[in-house]
Structure formats: structure tokens, C-alpha cells
């Protein structure tokens, strides 16, 4: 049970921060797009998980 709580905390707090940092250090310089906030990074992760789902790459069949 502690592992589940830790994983939820990790994916809600740490992963969006990593995405925000990667976006803000890369995308504005390459594409001239604005920097994003933590909450925008969290929303991007939610959208990506809805579009691609967990394990979508493993189920790909051309």
C-alpha cells in the first residue's frame, strides 16, 4: 500500500516538474514557444496519457 501511495505522489509531483524543466530548457529556444508552469505540465501529462495510454507503444501494430 505504501508503494502505491509513493507512486501516486511521485507521478503527481515529480514527473510534471521534470516535464516543466525539460520544456522550459528546450522548447522556447527551438520553437519560440512560451515557458510553461507546473500546472500546465501536469495537464500536458494528463492529455498525453489520455491520447496514448499506458503501454500504447507496446500494443502498436502497423
Protein backbone atom coordinates (compact mmCIF):
# COMPACT_ATOMS: atom_id res chain seq x y z
CA UNK A 1 0.00 0.00 0.00
CA UNK A 2 2.88 2.37 0.79
CA UNK A 3 4.30 1.75 -2.67
CA UNK A 4 1.03 2.75 -4.31
CA UNK A 5 0.87 5.96 -2.30
CA UNK A 6 4.50 6.71 -3.15
CA UNK A 7 3.92 6.12 -6.87
CA UNK A 8 0.86 8.37 -6.90
CA UNK A 9 2.79 11.09 -5.09
CA UNK A 10 5.73 10.67 -7.47
CA UNK A 11 3.68 10.91 -10.64
CA UNK A 12 1.62 13.86 -9.39
CA UNK A 13 4.53 15.90 -8.02
CA UNK A 14 7.87 14.91 -9.54
CA UNK A 15 7.06 13.93 -13.12
CA UNK A 16 5.31 17.24 -14.00
CA UNK A 17 8.26 19.14 -12.54
CA UNK A 18 10.65 17.17 -14.75
CA UNK A 19 8.46 17.79 -17.80
CA UNK A 20 8.27 21.51 -16.96
CA UNK A 21 12.06 21.72 -16.65
CA UNK A 22 12.64 19.85 -19.92
CA UNK A 23 10.09 22.00 -21.76
CA UNK A 24 11.40 25.30 -20.37
CA UNK A 25 15.03 24.48 -21.19
CA UNK A 26 14.37 23.18 -24.71
CA UNK A 27 11.16 24.25 -26.43
CA UNK A 28 11.33 28.07 -26.09
CA UNK A 29 14.77 28.17 -27.72
CA UNK A 30 13.90 25.81 -30.57
CA UNK A 31 10.32 26.75 -31.46
CA UNK A 32 9.94 30.19 -29.81
CA UNK A 33 7.07 28.96 -27.67
CA UNK A 34 6.45 30.33 -24.15
CA UNK A 35 7.61 28.64 -20.97
CA UNK A 36 5.04 26.59 -19.06
CA UNK A 37 4.04 26.39 -15.41
CA UNK A 38 3.88 23.30 -13.19
CA UNK A 39 0.11 23.02 -13.65
CA UNK A 40 0.39 23.27 -17.43
CA UNK A 41 2.97 20.46 -17.35
CA UNK A 42 0.58 18.33 -15.28
CA UNK A 43 -2.21 18.96 -17.79
CA UNK A 44 0.11 18.01 -20.67
CA UNK A 45 0.86 14.71 -18.94
CA UNK A 46 -2.84 14.03 -18.42
CA UNK A 47 -3.62 14.78 -22.07
CA UNK A 48 -0.75 12.57 -23.26
CA UNK A 49 -1.90 9.71 -21.05
CA UNK A 50 -5.44 10.02 -22.41
CA UNK A 51 -4.22 10.07 -26.02
CA UNK A 52 -1.54 7.44 -25.84
CA UNK A 53 -2.42 5.48 -22.72
CA UNK A 54 -0.07 3.40 -20.65
CA UNK A 55 1.79 0.88 -22.77
CA UNK A 56 0.48 2.21 -26.07
CA UNK A 57 3.90 1.70 -27.69
CA UNK A 58 3.84 -1.99 -26.75
CA UNK A 59 0.50 -2.54 -28.48
CA UNK A 60 1.47 -0.80 -31.75
CA UNK A 61 0.73 -2.84 -34.85
CA UNK A 62 1.36 -1.19 -38.25
